[in-house]
């Protein structure tokens, strides 16, 4: 994962797709299904996702792919968990730092 990717203000759908390792059409589908994701649009109609949108997408992917929630179940989980702020981006940074440490150990 590119370190600069975590520090950007806006992310294009291709960047988000690579980060989440899902196809862009999946992101567009989730955007329609989950109200949490509201990307900005450029004058030419391109989607620009904010950091909070990417965090929501990471959480949605986790719920659907790792925890095996249904779409309906994920929506309910997100609705009841509003007060509980999970920061998936913080977890990604932590994972990246660990991977860099492992890489440094291996390359010695």
C-alpha atoms as a PDB file:
ATOM      1  CA  UNK A   1       0.000   0.000   0.000  1.00  0.00           C
ATOM      2  CA  UNK A   2       1.307   3.421  -0.915  1.00  0.00           C
ATOM      3  CA  UNK A   3       1.976   5.600   2.149  1.00  0.00           C
ATOM      4  CA  UNK A   4       0.841   8.688   0.219  1.00  0.00           C
ATOM      5  CA  UNK A   5      -2.513   7.050  -0.335  1.00  0.00           C
ATOM      6  CA  UNK A   6      -3.318   7.370   3.368  1.00  0.00           C
ATOM      7  CA  UNK A   7      -2.585  11.112   3.432  1.00  0.00           C
ATOM      8  CA  UNK A   8      -4.779  12.301   0.584  1.00  0.00           C
ATOM      9  CA  UNK A   9      -7.917  14.416   0.860  1.00  0.00           C
ATOM     10  CA  UNK A  10      -9.738  12.796  -2.062  1.00  0.00           C
ATOM     11  CA  UNK A  11      -9.464   9.359  -3.609  1.00  0.00           C
ATOM     12  CA  UNK A  12     -10.553   8.292  -7.080  1.00  0.00           C
ATOM     13  CA  UNK A  13     -12.557   5.098  -7.430  1.00  0.00           C
ATOM     14  CA  UNK A  14      -9.565   3.275  -8.935  1.00  0.00           C
ATOM     15  CA  UNK A  15      -7.436   4.073  -5.889  1.00  0.00           C
ATOM     16  CA  UNK A  16     -10.182   2.950  -3.536  1.00  0.00           C
ATOM     17  CA  UNK A  17     -10.638  -0.195  -5.613  1.00  0.00           C
ATOM     18  CA  UNK A  18      -6.939  -1.071  -5.316  1.00  0.00           C
ATOM     19  CA  UNK A  19      -6.878  -0.259  -1.606  1.00  0.00           C
ATOM     20  CA  UNK A  20      -9.884  -2.494  -0.875  1.00  0.00           C
ATOM     21  CA  UNK A  21      -8.936  -5.096  -3.484  1.00  0.00           C
ATOM     22  CA  UNK A  22     -12.424  -5.115  -5.008  1.00  0.00           C
ATOM     23  CA  UNK A  23     -13.627  -4.119  -8.447  1.00  0.00           C
ATOM     24  CA  UNK A  24     -14.952  -0.558  -8.955  1.00  0.00           C
ATOM     25  CA  UNK A  25     -18.463  -1.851  -9.688  1.00  0.00           C
ATOM     26  CA  UNK A  26     -18.553  -3.325  -6.171  1.00  0.00           C
ATOM     27  CA  UNK A  27     -17.791   0.100  -4.706  1.00  0.00           C
ATOM     28  CA  UNK A  28     -20.509   1.675  -6.845  1.00  0.00           C
ATOM     29  CA  UNK A  29     -22.971  -0.995  -5.668  1.00  0.00           C
ATOM     30  CA  UNK A  30     -22.069  -0.409  -2.011  1.00  0.00           C
ATOM     31  CA  UNK A  31     -22.467   3.321  -2.602  1.00  0.00           C
ATOM     32  CA  UNK A  32     -26.078   2.720  -3.669  1.00  0.00           C
ATOM     33  CA  UNK A  33     -26.809   0.308  -0.819  1.00  0.00           C
ATOM     34  CA  UNK A  34     -25.180   2.161   2.084  1.00  0.00           C
ATOM     35  CA  UNK A  35     -26.068   5.781   2.778  1.00  0.00           C
ATOM     36  CA  UNK A  36     -22.798   6.295   4.645  1.00  0.00           C
ATOM     37  CA  UNK A  37     -20.918   6.638   1.365  1.00  0.00           C
ATOM     38  CA  UNK A  38     -21.450   9.927  -0.428  1.00  0.00           C
ATOM     39  CA  UNK A  39     -18.589  10.742  -2.782  1.00  0.00           C
ATOM     40  CA  UNK A  40     -18.175  14.189  -4.247  1.00  0.00           C
ATOM     41  CA  UNK A  41     -18.542  14.501  -8.007  1.00  0.00           C
ATOM     42  CA  UNK A  42     -16.270  16.416 -10.322  1.00  0.00           C
ATOM     43  CA  UNK A  43     -17.760  18.553 -13.064  1.00  0.00           C
ATOM     44  CA  UNK A  44     -17.224  15.616 -15.413  1.00  0.00           C
ATOM     45  CA  UNK A  45     -19.063  13.233 -13.062  1.00  0.00           C
ATOM     46  CA  UNK A  46     -16.080  11.358 -11.640  1.00  0.00           C
ATOM     47  CA  UNK A  47     -16.410  10.156  -8.048  1.00  0.00           C
ATOM     48  CA  UNK A  48     -14.060  11.560  -5.425  1.00  0.00           C
ATOM     49  CA  UNK A  49     -14.174   9.777  -2.086  1.00  0.00           C
ATOM     50  CA  UNK A  50     -13.208  11.472   1.157  1.00  0.00           C
ATOM     51  CA  UNK A  51     -11.273   9.704   3.882  1.00  0.00           C
ATOM     52  CA  UNK A  52     -14.519   9.085   5.822  1.00  0.00           C
ATOM     53  CA  UNK A  53     -16.032   7.417   2.744  1.00  0.00           C
ATOM     54  CA  UNK A  54     -12.995   5.157   2.408  1.00  0.00           C
ATOM     55  CA  UNK A  55     -13.175   4.311   6.120  1.00  0.00           C
ATOM     56  CA  UNK A  56     -16.852   3.397   5.714  1.00  0.00           C
ATOM     57  CA  UNK A  57     -16.031   1.249   2.676  1.00  0.00           C
ATOM     58  CA  UNK A  58     -13.302  -0.569   4.617  1.00  0.00           C
ATOM     59  CA  UNK A  59     -15.764  -1.258   7.409  1.00  0.00           C
ATOM     60  CA  UNK A  60     -18.427  -2.432   4.947  1.00  0.00           C
ATOM     61  CA  UNK A  61     -15.964  -4.754   3.227  1.00  0.00           C
ATOM     62  CA  UNK A  62     -14.971  -6.175   6.602  1.00  0.00           C
ATOM     63  CA  UNK A  63     -18.596  -6.767   7.572  1.00  0.00           C
ATOM     64  CA  UNK A  64     -19.511  -8.383   4.250  1.00  0.00           C
ATOM     65  CA  UNK A  65     -16.370 -10.339   3.404  1.00  0.00           C
ATOM     66  CA  UNK A  66     -14.676 -11.207   6.698  1.00  0.00           C
ATOM     67  CA  UNK A  67     -17.586 -11.281   9.132  1.00  0.00           C
ATOM     68  CA  UNK A  68     -19.982 -12.714   6.512  1.00  0.00           C
ATOM     69  CA  UNK A  69     -22.852 -10.282   7.151  1.00  0.00           C
ATOM     70  CA  UNK A  70     -25.634  -9.986   4.604  1.00  0.00           C
ATOM     71  CA  UNK A  71     -26.293  -6.546   3.102  1.00  0.00           C
ATOM     72  CA  UNK A  72     -29.303  -6.167   5.388  1.00  0.00           C
ATOM     73  CA  UNK A  73     -27.311  -7.338   8.416  1.00  0.00           C
ATOM     74  CA  UNK A  74     -24.473  -4.944   7.643  1.00  0.00           C
ATOM     75  CA  UNK A  75     -26.949  -2.055   7.333  1.00  0.00           C
ATOM     76  CA  UNK A  76     -28.457  -2.924  10.730  1.00  0.00           C
ATOM     77  CA  UNK A  77     -25.025  -3.267  12.296  1.00  0.00           C
ATOM     78  CA  UNK A  78     -23.951   0.124  10.954  1.00  0.00           C
ATOM     79  CA  UNK A  79     -27.211   1.742  12.075  1.00  0.00           C
ATOM     80  CA  UNK A  80     -26.892   0.526  15.654  1.00  0.00           C
ATOM     81  CA  UNK A  81     -23.155   1.150  15.791  1.00  0.00           C
ATOM     82  CA  UNK A  82     -23.321   4.849  14.889  1.00  0.00           C
ATOM     83  CA  UNK A  83     -22.272   5.900  18.378  1.00  0.00           C
ATOM     84  CA  UNK A  84     -19.345   3.475  18.254  1.00  0.00           C
ATOM     85  CA  UNK A  85     -16.719   5.121  16.069  1.00  0.00           C
ATOM     86  CA  UNK A  86     -14.414   2.558  14.490  1.00  0.00           C
ATOM     87  CA  UNK A  87     -11.390   3.901  12.678  1.00  0.00           C
ATOM     88  CA  UNK A  88     -10.422   1.304  10.050  1.00  0.00           C
ATOM     89  CA  UNK A  89      -7.826   3.669   8.586  1.00  0.00           C
ATOM     90  CA  UNK A  90      -5.965   3.671  11.907  1.00  0.00           C
ATOM     91  CA  UNK A  91      -5.918  -0.116  11.781  1.00  0.00           C
ATOM     92  CA  UNK A  92      -4.548  -0.026   8.215  1.00  0.00           C
ATOM     93  CA  UNK A  93      -1.731   2.278   9.285  1.00  0.00           C
ATOM     94  CA  UNK A  94      -0.917  -0.090  12.141  1.00  0.00           C
ATOM     95  CA  UNK A  95      -0.887  -3.083   9.779  1.00  0.00           C
ATOM     96  CA  UNK A  96       1.325  -1.205   7.318  1.00  0.00           C
ATOM     97  CA  UNK A  97       3.840  -0.363  10.051  1.00  0.00           C
ATOM     98  CA  UNK A  98       3.956  -4.001  11.125  1.00  0.00           C
ATOM     99  CA  UNK A  99       4.494  -5.147   7.540  1.00  0.00           C
ATOM    100  CA  UNK A 100       7.321  -2.654   7.076  1.00  0.00           C
ATOM    101  CA  UNK A 101       8.962  -3.960  10.260  1.00  0.00           C
ATOM    102  CA  UNK A 102       8.656  -7.533   8.979  1.00  0.00           C
ATOM    103  CA  UNK A 103      10.072  -6.505   5.615  1.00  0.00           C
ATOM    104  CA  UNK A 104      13.036  -4.848   7.350  1.00  0.00           C
ATOM    105  CA  UNK A 105      13.682  -7.993   9.393  1.00  0.00           C
ATOM    106  CA  UNK A 106      13.578 -10.191   6.289  1.00  0.00           C
ATOM    107  CA  UNK A 107      15.883  -7.935   4.235  1.00  0.00           C
ATOM    108  CA  UNK A 108      18.645  -7.926   6.853  1.00  0.00           C
END
